[in-house]
Amino acid sequence: MTVSPEYLEHLTEMLEPLGPVRAKRMFGGAGIFLDGVMFGLVVDDGLYVKADDGNRGDFENLGLGPFTYQKKNREEPVQLSYFEAPAESLDDADELCDWARKAWEAARRAAKK
C-alpha cells in the first residue's frame, strides 16, 4: 500500500471547504481527519470514506464496495466500514465534500457508540 504526497495534498485541498481537514499517514496508507475524527482512508491513491446505516445505501446504489484486506491466517477477507468514494467525485470538490460530510457524520455517530 502506498500513498503519494501529491494525492494527499490534492484531497485535502478539495476538502478545505469542510474545515481543517488533515491527512495522517498510518499503516502504509493515510487517514483523513476533521475535528479529530477519521472519516476517510487512503490506500494506493484511492479514497474510501466512512459508511454506516445512514449512508451505506448511497454507495451500494452505485455499486461501490467496502475496503477489504486479507489478514494472515484468516480465510475470509476483513471488511472495513469505509467504502470507495465515487470516481467522479474526485474531480469535483463540491461533490467530494458532500460525500465527505456524510462520511464525517457517520464517523461521528460511530465515535459516540
PDB file of N, CA and C in Angstrom:
ATOM      1  N   MET A   1       0.839  -1.176   0.000  1.00  0.00           N
ATOM      2  CA  MET A   1       0.000   0.000   0.000  1.00  0.00           C
ATOM      3  C   MET A   1       0.887   1.243   0.000  1.00  0.00           C
ATOM      4  N   THR A   2       0.588   2.134  -0.910  1.00  0.00           N
ATOM      5  CA  THR A   2       1.331   3.376  -0.968  1.00  0.00           C
ATOM      6  C   THR A   2       0.358   4.542  -1.144  1.00  0.00           C
ATOM      7  N   VAL A   3       0.811   5.682  -0.717  1.00  0.00           N
ATOM      8  CA  VAL A   3       0.036   6.910  -0.877  1.00  0.00           C
ATOM      9  C   VAL A   3       1.013   7.999  -1.273  1.00  0.00           C
ATOM     10  N   SER A   4       0.746   8.652  -2.381  1.00  0.00           N
ATOM     11  CA  SER A   4       1.651   9.716  -2.813  1.00  0.00           C
ATOM     12  C   SER A   4       1.320  11.018  -2.082  1.00  0.00           C
ATOM     13  N   PRO A   5       2.348  11.786  -1.762  1.00  0.00           N
ATOM     14  CA  PRO A   5       2.115  13.090  -1.120  1.00  0.00           C
ATOM     15  C   PRO A   5       1.244  13.999  -1.986  1.00  0.00           C
ATOM     16  N   GLU A   6       1.388  13.906  -3.292  1.00  0.00           N
ATOM     17  CA  GLU A   6       0.610  14.734  -4.207  1.00  0.00           C
ATOM     18  C   GLU A   6      -0.890  14.403  -4.115  1.00  0.00           C
ATOM     19  N   TYR A   7      -1.195  13.121  -4.001  1.00  0.00           N
ATOM     20  CA  TYR A   7      -2.598  12.709  -3.905  1.00  0.00           C
ATOM     21  C   TYR A   7      -3.205  13.206  -2.595  1.00  0.00           C
ATOM     22  N   LEU A   8      -2.476  13.070  -1.494  1.00  0.00           N
ATOM     23  CA  LEU A   8      -2.974  13.563  -0.207  1.00  0.00           C
ATOM     24  C   LEU A   8      -3.193  15.072  -0.246  1.00  0.00           C
ATOM     25  N   GLU A   9      -2.264  15.790  -0.863  1.00  0.00           N
ATOM     26  CA  GLU A   9      -2.404  17.235  -0.975  1.00  0.00           C
ATOM     27  C   GLU A   9      -3.636  17.594  -1.807  1.00  0.00           C
ATOM     28  N   HIS A  10      -3.834  16.875  -2.904  1.00  0.00           N
ATOM     29  CA  HIS A  10      -4.998  17.094  -3.761  1.00  0.00           C
ATOM     30  C   HIS A  10      -6.293  16.893  -2.966  1.00  0.00           C
ATOM     31  N   LEU A  11      -6.378  15.805  -2.214  1.00  0.00           N
ATOM     32  CA  LEU A  11      -7.585  15.533  -1.438  1.00  0.00           C
ATOM     33  C   LEU A  11      -7.834  16.597  -0.375  1.00  0.00           C
ATOM     34  N   THR A  12      -6.806  16.938   0.377  1.00  0.00           N
ATOM     35  CA  THR A  12      -7.007  17.915   1.446  1.00  0.00           C
ATOM     36  C   THR A  12      -7.376  19.292   0.889  1.00  0.00           C
ATOM     37  N   GLU A  13      -6.826  19.652  -0.257  1.00  0.00           N
ATOM     38  CA  GLU A  13      -7.212  20.920  -0.885  1.00  0.00           C
ATOM     39  C   GLU A  13      -8.675  20.896  -1.316  1.00  0.00           C
ATOM     40  N   MET A  14      -9.113  19.784  -1.895  1.00  0.00           N
ATOM     41  CA  MET A  14     -10.506  19.687  -2.332  1.00  0.00           C
ATOM     42  C   MET A  14     -11.475  19.702  -1.155  1.00  0.00           C
ATOM     43  N   LEU A  15     -11.017  19.200  -0.013  1.00  0.00           N
ATOM     44  CA  LEU A  15     -11.882  19.106   1.158  1.00  0.00           C
ATOM     45  C   LEU A  15     -11.813  20.328   2.070  1.00  0.00           C
ATOM     46  N   GLU A  16     -11.032  21.338   1.697  1.00  0.00           N
ATOM     47  CA  GLU A  16     -10.883  22.551   2.516  1.00  0.00           C
ATOM     48  C   GLU A  16     -12.207  23.206   2.907  1.00  0.00           C
ATOM     49  N   PRO A  17     -13.232  23.206   2.045  1.00  0.00           N
ATOM     50  CA  PRO A  17     -14.492  23.845   2.454  1.00  0.00           C
ATOM     51  C   PRO A  17     -15.124  23.236   3.704  1.00  0.00           C
ATOM     52  N   LEU A  18     -14.758  22.006   4.055  1.00  0.00           N
ATOM     53  CA  LEU A  18     -15.315  21.367   5.247  1.00  0.00           C
ATOM     54  C   LEU A  18     -14.710  21.915   6.533  1.00  0.00           C
ATOM     55  N   GLY A  19     -13.520  22.462   6.432  1.00  0.00           N
ATOM     56  CA  GLY A  19     -12.807  22.935   7.614  1.00  0.00           C
ATOM     57  C   GLY A  19     -11.376  22.423   7.590  1.00  0.00           C
ATOM     58  N   PRO A  20     -10.747  22.379   8.764  1.00  0.00           N
ATOM     59  CA  PRO A  20      -9.333  21.975   8.826  1.00  0.00           C
ATOM     60  C   PRO A  20      -9.139  20.465   8.668  1.00  0.00           C
ATOM     61  N   VAL A  21      -9.239  19.992   7.438  1.00  0.00           N
ATOM     62  CA  VAL A  21      -9.056  18.566   7.135  1.00  0.00           C
ATOM     63  C   VAL A  21      -7.561  18.255   7.149  1.00  0.00           C
ATOM     64  N   ARG A  22      -7.202  17.167   7.794  1.00  0.00           N
ATOM     65  CA  ARG A  22      -5.806  16.755   7.905  1.00  0.00           C
ATOM     66  C   ARG A  22      -5.650  15.317   7.441  1.00  0.00           C
ATOM     67  N   ALA A  23      -4.510  15.036   6.837  1.00  0.00           N
ATOM     68  CA  ALA A  23      -4.144  13.673   6.455  1.00  0.00           C
ATOM     69  C   ALA A  23      -3.042  13.199   7.385  1.00  0.00           C
ATOM     70  N   LYS A  24      -3.162  11.977   7.855  1.00  0.00           N
ATOM     71  CA  LYS A  24      -2.159  11.400   8.747  1.00  0.00           C
ATOM     72  C   LYS A  24      -1.787  10.026   8.205  1.00  0.00           C
ATOM     73  N   ARG A  25      -0.509   9.831   7.953  1.00  0.00           N
ATOM     74  CA  ARG A  25      -0.043   8.539   7.453  1.00  0.00           C
ATOM     75  C   ARG A  25      -0.178   7.479   8.537  1.00  0.00           C
ATOM     76  N   MET A  26      -0.660   6.308   8.118  1.00  0.00           N
ATOM     77  CA  MET A  26      -0.832   5.200   9.047  1.00  0.00           C
ATOM     78  C   MET A  26      -0.945   3.889   8.289  1.00  0.00           C
ATOM     79  N   PHE A  27      -0.292   2.869   8.786  1.00  0.00           N
ATOM     80  CA  PHE A  27      -0.373   1.512   8.236  1.00  0.00           C
ATOM     81  C   PHE A  27      -0.114   1.447   6.731  1.00  0.00           C
ATOM     82  N   GLY A  28       0.786   2.233   6.230  1.00  0.00           N
ATOM     83  CA  GLY A  28       1.092   2.218   4.810  1.00  0.00           C
ATOM     84  C   GLY A  28       0.136   3.036   3.972  1.00  0.00           C
ATOM     85  N   GLY A  29      -0.930   3.515   4.568  1.00  0.00           N
ATOM     86  CA  GLY A  29      -1.891   4.372   3.887  1.00  0.00           C
ATOM     87  C   GLY A  29      -1.963   5.691   4.624  1.00  0.00           C
ATOM     88  N   ALA A  30      -3.169   6.257   4.660  1.00  0.00           N
ATOM     89  CA  ALA A  30      -3.363   7.506   5.395  1.00  0.00           C
ATOM     90  C   ALA A  30      -4.812   7.605   5.836  1.00  0.00           C
ATOM     91  N   GLY A  31      -5.014   8.278   6.953  1.00  0.00           N
ATOM     92  CA  GLY A  31      -6.353   8.596   7.412  1.00  0.00           C
ATOM     93  C   GLY A  31      -6.636  10.053   7.114  1.00  0.00           C
ATOM     94  N   ILE A  32      -7.894  10.368   6.846  1.00  0.00           N
ATOM     95  CA  ILE A  32      -8.330  11.739   6.610  1.00  0.00           C
ATOM     96  C   ILE A  32      -9.213  12.123   7.802  1.00  0.00           C
ATOM     97  N   PHE A  33      -8.855  13.217   8.453  1.00  0.00           N
ATOM     98  CA  PHE A  33      -9.492  13.620   9.703  1.00  0.00           C
ATOM     99  C   PHE A  33     -10.080  15.027   9.615  1.00  0.00           C
ATOM    100  N   LEU A  34     -11.178  15.223  10.322  1.00  0.00           N
ATOM    101  CA  LEU A  34     -11.764  16.538  10.531  1.00  0.00           C
ATOM    102  C   LEU A  34     -12.169  16.614  11.996  1.00  0.00           C
ATOM    103  N   ASP A  35     -11.722  17.618  12.683  1.00  0.00           N
ATOM    104  CA  ASP A  35     -12.016  17.793  14.111  1.00  0.00           C
ATOM    105  C   ASP A  35     -11.644  16.556  14.918  1.00  0.00           C
ATOM    106  N   GLY A  36     -10.538  15.923  14.554  1.00  0.00           N
ATOM    107  CA  GLY A  36     -10.053  14.757  15.286  1.00  0.00           C
ATOM    108  C   GLY A  36     -10.780  13.462  14.996  1.00  0.00           C
ATOM    109  N   VAL A  37     -11.704  13.476  14.054  1.00  0.00           N
ATOM    110  CA  VAL A  37     -12.495  12.291  13.712  1.00  0.00           C
ATOM    111  C   VAL A  37     -12.074  11.798  12.332  1.00  0.00           C
ATOM    112  N   MET A  38     -11.665  10.534  12.261  1.00  0.00           N
ATOM    113  CA  MET A  38     -11.262   9.953  10.975  1.00  0.00           C
ATOM    114  C   MET A  38     -12.504   9.555  10.178  1.00  0.00           C
ATOM    115  N   PHE A  39     -12.617  10.113   8.976  1.00  0.00           N
ATOM    116  CA  PHE A  39     -13.759   9.807   8.114  1.00  0.00           C
ATOM    117  C   PHE A  39     -13.328   9.270   6.754  1.00  0.00           C
ATOM    118  N   GLY A  40     -12.029   9.290   6.483  1.00  0.00           N
ATOM    119  CA  GLY A  40     -11.543   8.806   5.199  1.00  0.00           C
ATOM    120  C   GLY A  40     -10.310   7.950   5.366  1.00  0.00           C
ATOM    121  N   LEU A  41     -10.134   7.055   4.432  1.00  0.00           N
ATOM    122  CA  LEU A  41      -8.994   6.149   4.401  1.00  0.00           C
ATOM    123  C   LEU A  41      -8.427   6.191   2.986  1.00  0.00           C
ATOM    124  N   VAL A  42      -7.136   6.444   2.881  1.00  0.00           N
ATOM    125  CA  VAL A  42      -6.483   6.494   1.578  1.00  0.00           C
ATOM    126  C   VAL A  42      -5.528   5.318   1.476  1.00  0.00           C
ATOM    127  N   VAL A  43      -5.727   4.511   0.448  1.00  0.00           N
ATOM    128  CA  VAL A  43      -4.899   3.327   0.210  1.00  0.00           C
ATOM    129  C   VAL A  43      -4.587   3.276  -1.280  1.00  0.00           C
ATOM    130  N   ASP A  44      -3.312   3.135  -1.596  1.00  0.00           N
ATOM    131  CA  ASP A  44      -2.890   3.036  -3.001  1.00  0.00           C
ATOM    132  C   ASP A  44      -3.510   4.151  -3.849  1.00  0.00           C
ATOM    133  N   ASP A  45      -3.472   5.367  -3.335  1.00  0.00           N
ATOM    134  CA  ASP A  45      -4.033   6.533  -4.015  1.00  0.00           C
ATOM    135  C   ASP A  45      -5.496   6.329  -4.416  1.00  0.00           C
ATOM    136  N   GLY A  46      -6.224   5.678  -3.540  1.00  0.00           N
ATOM    137  CA  GLY A  46      -7.667   5.535  -3.681  1.00  0.00           C
ATOM    138  C   GLY A  46      -8.314   5.985  -2.378  1.00  0.00           C
ATOM    139  N   LEU A  47      -9.461   6.639  -2.468  1.00  0.00           N
ATOM    140  CA  LEU A  47     -10.136   7.163  -1.287  1.00  0.00           C
ATOM    141  C   LEU A  47     -11.337   6.302  -0.929  1.00  0.00           C
ATOM    142  N   TYR A  48     -11.399   5.967   0.349  1.00  0.00           N
ATOM    143  CA  TYR A  48     -12.549   5.265   0.921  1.00  0.00           C
ATOM    144  C   TYR A  48     -13.068   6.149   2.049  1.00  0.00           C
ATOM    145  N   VAL A  49     -14.392   6.256   2.179  1.00  0.00           N
ATOM    146  CA  VAL A  49     -14.974   7.109   3.218  1.00  0.00           C
ATOM    147  C   VAL A  49     -15.924   6.300   4.094  1.00  0.00           C
ATOM    148  N   LYS A  50     -16.073   6.748   5.325  1.00  0.00           N
ATOM    149  CA  LYS A  50     -16.835   6.035   6.349  1.00  0.00           C
ATOM    150  C   LYS A  50     -18.293   5.872   5.951  1.00  0.00           C
ATOM    151  N   ALA A  51     -18.812   4.687   6.217  1.00  0.00           N
ATOM    152  CA  ALA A  51     -20.212   4.391   5.933  1.00  0.00           C
ATOM    153  C   ALA A  51     -20.838   3.708   7.138  1.00  0.00           C
ATOM    154  N   ASP A  52     -22.125   3.950   7.308  1.00  0.00           N
ATOM    155  CA  ASP A  52     -22.918   3.261   8.321  1.00  0.00           C
ATOM    156  C   ASP A  52     -24.328   3.114   7.756  1.00  0.00           C
ATOM    157  N   ASP A  53     -25.273   2.750   8.596  1.00  0.00           N
ATOM    158  CA  ASP A  53     -26.638   2.560   8.107  1.00  0.00           C
ATOM    159  C   ASP A  53     -27.232   3.830   7.499  1.00  0.00           C
ATOM    160  N   GLY A  54     -26.713   4.993   7.904  1.00  0.00           N
ATOM    161  CA  GLY A  54     -27.236   6.257   7.399  1.00  0.00           C
ATOM    162  C   GLY A  54     -26.832   6.592   5.978  1.00  0.00           C
ATOM    163  N   ASN A  55     -25.699   6.060   5.504  1.00  0.00           N
ATOM    164  CA  ASN A  55     -25.255   6.411   4.150  1.00  0.00           C
ATOM    165  C   ASN A  55     -24.768   5.215   3.320  1.00  0.00           C
ATOM    166  N   ARG A  56     -24.757   4.023   3.880  1.00  0.00           N
ATOM    167  CA  ARG A  56     -24.253   2.845   3.159  1.00  0.00           C
ATOM    168  C   ARG A  56     -25.013   2.609   1.843  1.00  0.00           C
ATOM    169  N   GLY A  57     -26.308   2.847   1.864  1.00  0.00           N
ATOM    170  CA  GLY A  57     -27.118   2.645   0.669  1.00  0.00           C
ATOM    171  C   GLY A  57     -26.680   3.513  -0.504  1.00  0.00           C
ATOM    172  N   ASP A  58     -26.165   4.702  -0.226  1.00  0.00           N
ATOM    173  CA  ASP A  58     -25.682   5.583  -1.297  1.00  0.00           C
ATOM    174  C   ASP A  58     -24.554   4.915  -2.075  1.00  0.00           C
ATOM    175  N   PHE A  59     -23.678   4.232  -1.364  1.00  0.00           N
ATOM    176  CA  PHE A  59     -22.566   3.527  -2.006  1.00  0.00           C
ATOM    177  C   PHE A  59     -23.064   2.290  -2.741  1.00  0.00           C
ATOM    178  N   GLU A  60     -23.904   1.528  -2.072  1.00  0.00           N
ATOM    179  CA  GLU A  60     -24.408   0.289  -2.665  1.00  0.00           C
ATOM    180  C   GLU A  60     -25.214   0.568  -3.925  1.00  0.00           C
ATOM    181  N   ASN A  61     -25.978   1.666  -3.943  1.00  0.00           N
ATOM    182  CA  ASN A  61     -26.761   2.023  -5.140  1.00  0.00           C
ATOM    183  C   ASN A  61     -25.876   2.300  -6.346  1.00  0.00           C
ATOM    184  N   LEU A  62     -24.636   2.724  -6.097  1.00  0.00           N
ATOM    185  CA  LEU A  62     -23.691   2.988  -7.187  1.00  0.00           C
ATOM    186  C   LEU A  62     -22.769   1.791  -7.456  1.00  0.00           C
ATOM    187  N   GLY A  63     -22.990   0.705  -6.734  1.00  0.00           N
ATOM    188  CA  GLY A  63     -22.168  -0.484  -6.926  1.00  0.00           C
ATOM    189  C   GLY A  63     -20.773  -0.345  -6.339  1.00  0.00           C
ATOM    190  N   LEU A  64     -20.605   0.549  -5.371  1.00  0.00           N
ATOM    191  CA  LEU A  64     -19.302   0.768  -4.742  1.00  0.00           C
ATOM    192  C   LEU A  64     -19.179  -0.105  -3.507  1.00  0.00           C
ATOM    193  N   GLY A  65     -18.032  -0.737  -3.368  1.00  0.00           N
ATOM    194  CA  GLY A  65     -17.847  -1.675  -2.278  1.00  0.00           C
ATOM    195  C   GLY A  65     -16.949  -1.154  -1.177  1.00  0.00           C
ATOM    196  N   PRO A  66     -16.893  -1.932  -0.096  1.00  0.00           N
ATOM    197  CA  PRO A  66     -16.072  -1.551   1.049  1.00  0.00           C
ATOM    198  C   PRO A  66     -14.600  -1.899   0.828  1.00  0.00           C
ATOM    199  N   PHE A  67     -13.761  -1.259   1.611  1.00  0.00           N
ATOM    200  CA  PHE A  67     -12.349  -1.593   1.623  1.00  0.00           C
ATOM    201  C   PHE A  67     -12.188  -2.931   2.325  1.00  0.00           C
ATOM    202  N   THR A  68     -11.446  -3.824   1.719  1.00  0.00           N
ATOM    203  CA  THR A  68     -11.159  -5.122   2.317  1.00  0.00           C
ATOM    204  C   THR A  68      -9.665  -5.393   2.232  1.00  0.00           C
ATOM    205  N   TYR A  69      -9.195  -6.237   3.115  1.00  0.00           N
ATOM    206  CA  TYR A  69      -7.803  -6.684   3.059  1.00  0.00           C
ATOM    207  C   TYR A  69      -7.728  -8.098   3.589  1.00  0.00           C
ATOM    208  N   GLN A  70      -6.689  -8.784   3.196  1.00  0.00           N
ATOM    209  CA  GLN A  70      -6.501 -10.171   3.617  1.00  0.00           C
ATOM    210  C   GLN A  70      -5.569 -10.215   4.811  1.00  0.00           C
ATOM    211  N   LYS A  71      -6.026 -10.831   5.866  1.00  0.00           N
ATOM    212  CA  LYS A  71      -5.232 -10.961   7.079  1.00  0.00           C
ATOM    213  C   LYS A  71      -4.606 -12.353   7.124  1.00  0.00           C
ATOM    214  N   LYS A  72      -3.368 -12.424   7.610  1.00  0.00           N
ATOM    215  CA  LYS A  72      -2.701 -13.719   7.731  1.00  0.00           C
ATOM    216  C   LYS A  72      -3.540 -14.656   8.590  1.00  0.00           C
ATOM    217  N   ASN A  73      -3.489 -15.928   8.230  1.00  0.00           N
ATOM    218  CA  ASN A  73      -4.167 -16.981   8.993  1.00  0.00           C
ATOM    219  C   ASN A  73      -5.675 -16.783   9.086  1.00  0.00           C
ATOM    220  N   ARG A  74      -6.241 -16.089   8.118  1.00  0.00           N
ATOM    221  CA  ARG A  74      -7.692 -15.891   8.091  1.00  0.00           C
ATOM    222  C   ARG A  74      -8.172 -16.163   6.680  1.00  0.00           C
ATOM    223  N   GLU A  75      -9.146 -17.032   6.565  1.00  0.00           N
ATOM    224  CA  GLU A  75      -9.642 -17.436   5.257  1.00  0.00           C
ATOM    225  C   GLU A  75     -10.419 -16.316   4.558  1.00  0.00           C
ATOM    226  N   GLU A  76     -11.291 -15.663   5.297  1.00  0.00           N
ATOM    227  CA  GLU A  76     -12.127 -14.609   4.735  1.00  0.00           C
ATOM    228  C   GLU A  76     -11.423 -13.255   4.833  1.00  0.00           C
ATOM    229  N   PRO A  77     -11.597 -12.396   3.833  1.00  0.00           N
ATOM    230  CA  PRO A  77     -11.007 -11.048   3.930  1.00  0.00           C
ATOM    231  C   PRO A  77     -11.707 -10.225   5.013  1.00  0.00           C
ATOM    232  N   VAL A  78     -10.969  -9.291   5.569  1.00  0.00           N
ATOM    233  CA  VAL A  78     -11.507  -8.375   6.564  1.00  0.00           C
ATOM    234  C   VAL A  78     -12.142  -7.203   5.818  1.00  0.00           C
ATOM    235  N   GLN A  79     -13.360  -6.866   6.194  1.00  0.00           N
ATOM    236  CA  GLN A  79     -14.087  -5.777   5.548  1.00  0.00           C
ATOM    237  C   GLN A  79     -14.242  -4.623   6.538  1.00  0.00           C
ATOM    238  N   LEU A  80     -13.836  -3.437   6.123  1.00  0.00           N
ATOM    239  CA  LEU A  80     -13.974  -2.251   6.966  1.00  0.00           C
ATOM    240  C   LEU A  80     -15.226  -1.470   6.572  1.00  0.00           C
ATOM    241  N   SER A  81     -15.628  -0.553   7.426  1.00  0.00           N
ATOM    242  CA  SER A  81     -16.824   0.260   7.154  1.00  0.00           C
ATOM    243  C   SER A  81     -16.469   1.529   6.386  1.00  0.00           C
ATOM    244  N   TYR A  82     -15.484   1.419   5.509  1.00  0.00           N
ATOM    245  CA  TYR A  82     -15.087   2.510   4.616  1.00  0.00           C
ATOM    246  C   TYR A  82     -15.343   2.046   3.186  1.00  0.00           C
ATOM    247  N   PHE A  83     -16.125   2.824   2.451  1.00  0.00           N
ATOM    248  CA  PHE A  83     -16.497   2.448   1.091  1.00  0.00           C
ATOM    249  C   PHE A  83     -15.784   3.342   0.084  1.00  0.00           C
ATOM    250  N   GLU A  84     -15.575   2.785  -1.085  1.00  0.00           N
ATOM    251  CA  GLU A  84     -14.902   3.505  -2.163  1.00  0.00           C
ATOM    252  C   GLU A  84     -15.671   4.768  -2.521  1.00  0.00           C
ATOM    253  N   ALA A  85     -14.970   5.889  -2.577  1.00  0.00           N
ATOM    254  CA  ALA A  85     -15.601   7.143  -2.999  1.00  0.00           C
ATOM    255  C   ALA A  85     -15.858   7.083  -4.505  1.00  0.00           C
ATOM    256  N   PRO A  86     -16.973   7.624  -4.958  1.00  0.00           N
ATOM    257  CA  PRO A  86     -17.250   7.628  -6.398  1.00  0.00           C
ATOM    258  C   PRO A  86     -16.140   8.336  -7.173  1.00  0.00           C
ATOM    259  N   ALA A  87     -15.686   7.720  -8.242  1.00  0.00           N
ATOM    260  CA  ALA A  87     -14.577   8.256  -9.028  1.00  0.00           C
ATOM    261  C   ALA A  87     -14.855   9.676  -9.511  1.00  0.00           C
ATOM    262  N   GLU A  88     -16.081   9.961  -9.925  1.00  0.00           N
ATOM    263  CA  GLU A  88     -16.390  11.293 -10.452  1.00  0.00           C
ATOM    264  C   GLU A  88     -16.298  12.367  -9.372  1.00  0.00           C
ATOM    265  N   SER A  89     -16.461  11.990  -8.112  1.00  0.00           N
ATOM    266  CA  SER A  89     -16.374  12.982  -7.037  1.00  0.00           C
ATOM    267  C   SER A  89     -14.939  13.452  -6.814  1.00  0.00           C
ATOM    268  N   LEU A  90     -13.979  12.676  -7.258  1.00  0.00           N
ATOM    269  CA  LEU A  90     -12.581  13.034  -7.050  1.00  0.00           C
ATOM    270  C   LEU A  90     -12.122  14.178  -7.958  1.00  0.00           C
ATOM    271  N   ASP A  91     -12.975  14.559  -8.904  1.00  0.00           N
ATOM    272  CA  ASP A  91     -12.682  15.683  -9.790  1.00  0.00           C
ATOM    273  C   ASP A  91     -13.616  16.868  -9.559  1.00  0.00           C
ATOM    274  N   ASP A  92     -14.476  16.766  -8.562  1.00  0.00           N
ATOM    275  CA  ASP A  92     -15.467  17.807  -8.299  1.00  0.00           C
ATOM    276  C   ASP A  92     -15.491  18.073  -6.796  1.00  0.00           C
ATOM    277  N   ALA A  93     -14.911  19.173  -6.372  1.00  0.00           N
ATOM    278  CA  ALA A  93     -14.774  19.468  -4.945  1.00  0.00           C
ATOM    279  C   ALA A  93     -16.122  19.526  -4.233  1.00  0.00           C
ATOM    280  N   ASP A  94     -17.137  20.112  -4.861  1.00  0.00           N
ATOM    281  CA  ASP A  94     -18.450  20.197  -4.218  1.00  0.00           C
ATOM    282  C   ASP A  94     -19.020  18.804  -3.963  1.00  0.00           C
ATOM    283  N   GLU A  95     -18.925  17.955  -4.962  1.00  0.00           N
ATOM    284  CA  GLU A  95     -19.446  16.597  -4.822  1.00  0.00           C
ATOM    285  C   GLU A  95     -18.630  15.804  -3.798  1.00  0.00           C
ATOM    286  N   LEU A  96     -17.322  15.939  -3.844  1.00  0.00           N
ATOM    287  CA  LEU A  96     -16.480  15.231  -2.887  1.00  0.00           C
ATOM    288  C   LEU A  96     -16.795  15.689  -1.464  1.00  0.00           C
ATOM    289  N   CYS A  97     -16.994  16.976  -1.282  1.00  0.00           N
ATOM    290  CA  CYS A  97     -17.328  17.486   0.051  1.00  0.00           C
ATOM    291  C   CYS A  97     -18.677  16.948   0.535  1.00  0.00           C
ATOM    292  N   ASP A  98     -19.638  16.767  -0.364  1.00  0.00           N
ATOM    293  CA  ASP A  98     -20.928  16.179   0.024  1.00  0.00           C
ATOM    294  C   ASP A  98     -20.734  14.757   0.547  1.00  0.00           C
ATOM    295  N   TRP A  99     -19.973  13.946  -0.188  1.00  0.00           N
ATOM    296  CA  TRP A  99     -19.694  12.573   0.247  1.00  0.00           C
ATOM    297  C   TRP A  99     -18.901  12.568   1.546  1.00  0.00           C
ATOM    298  N   ALA A 100     -17.937  13.456   1.655  1.00  0.00           N
ATOM    299  CA  ALA A 100     -17.091  13.514   2.849  1.00  0.00           C
ATOM    300  C   ALA A 100     -17.884  13.975   4.069  1.00  0.00           C
ATOM    301  N   ARG A 101     -18.780  14.913   3.890  1.00  0.00           N
ATOM    302  CA  ARG A 101     -19.596  15.409   5.007  1.00  0.00           C
ATOM    303  C   ARG A 101     -20.450  14.272   5.574  1.00  0.00           C
ATOM    304  N   LYS A 102     -21.056  13.490   4.690  1.00  0.00           N
ATOM    305  CA  LYS A 102     -21.871  12.356   5.135  1.00  0.00           C
ATOM    306  C   LYS A 102     -20.998  11.310   5.829  1.00  0.00           C
ATOM    307  N   ALA A 103     -19.784  11.116   5.322  1.00  0.00           N
ATOM    308  CA  ALA A 103     -18.857  10.159   5.929  1.00  0.00           C
ATOM    309  C   ALA A 103     -18.421  10.648   7.308  1.00  0.00           C
ATOM    310  N   TRP A 104     -18.163  11.939   7.433  1.00  0.00           N
ATOM    311  CA  TRP A 104     -17.777  12.503   8.717  1.00  0.00           C
ATOM    312  C   TRP A 104     -18.908  12.348   9.737  1.00  0.00           C
ATOM    313  N   GLU A 105     -20.137  12.565   9.284  1.00  0.00           N
ATOM    314  CA  GLU A 105     -21.285  12.379  10.175  1.00  0.00           C
ATOM    315  C   GLU A 105     -21.396  10.922  10.614  1.00  0.00           C
ATOM    316  N   ALA A 106     -21.142   9.980   9.696  1.00  0.00           N
ATOM    317  CA  ALA A 106     -21.159   8.552  10.040  1.00  0.00           C
ATOM    318  C   ALA A 106     -20.056   8.235  11.054  1.00  0.00           C
ATOM    319  N   ALA A 107     -18.886   8.820  10.850  1.00  0.00           N
ATOM    320  CA  ALA A 107     -17.765   8.595  11.769  1.00  0.00           C
ATOM    321  C   ALA A 107     -18.078   9.170  13.147  1.00  0.00           C
ATOM    322  N   ARG A 108     -18.722  10.307  13.193  1.00  0.00           N
ATOM    323  CA  ARG A 108     -19.093  10.907  14.489  1.00  0.00           C
ATOM    324  C   ARG A 108     -20.125  10.042  15.194  1.00  0.00           C
ATOM    325  N   ARG A 109     -21.079   9.481  14.444  1.00  0.00           N
ATOM    326  CA  ARG A 109     -22.069   8.593  15.059  1.00  0.00           C
ATOM    327  C   ARG A 109     -21.374   7.365  15.643  1.00  0.00           C
ATOM    328  N   ALA A 110     -20.425   6.816  14.895  1.00  0.00           N
ATOM    329  CA  ALA A 110     -19.690   5.624  15.367  1.00  0.00           C
ATOM    330  C   ALA A 110     -18.876   5.940  16.611  1.00  0.00           C
ATOM    331  N   ALA A 111     -18.313   7.143  16.670  1.00  0.00           N
ATOM    332  CA  ALA A 111     -17.497   7.522  17.823  1.00  0.00           C
ATOM    333  C   ALA A 111     -18.334   7.665  19.096  1.00  0.00           C
ATOM    334  N   LYS A 112     -19.614   7.981  18.934  1.00  0.00           N
ATOM    335  CA  LYS A 112     -20.487   8.136  20.093  1.00  0.00           C
ATOM    336  C   LYS A 112     -20.898   6.793  20.695  1.00  0.00           C
ATOM    337  N   LYS A 113     -20.797   5.728  19.906  1.00  0.00           N
ATOM    338  CA  LYS A 113     -21.207   4.397  20.391  1.00  0.00           C
ATOM    339  C   LYS A 113     -20.194   3.811  21.334  1.00  0.00           C
TER     340      LYS A 113
END
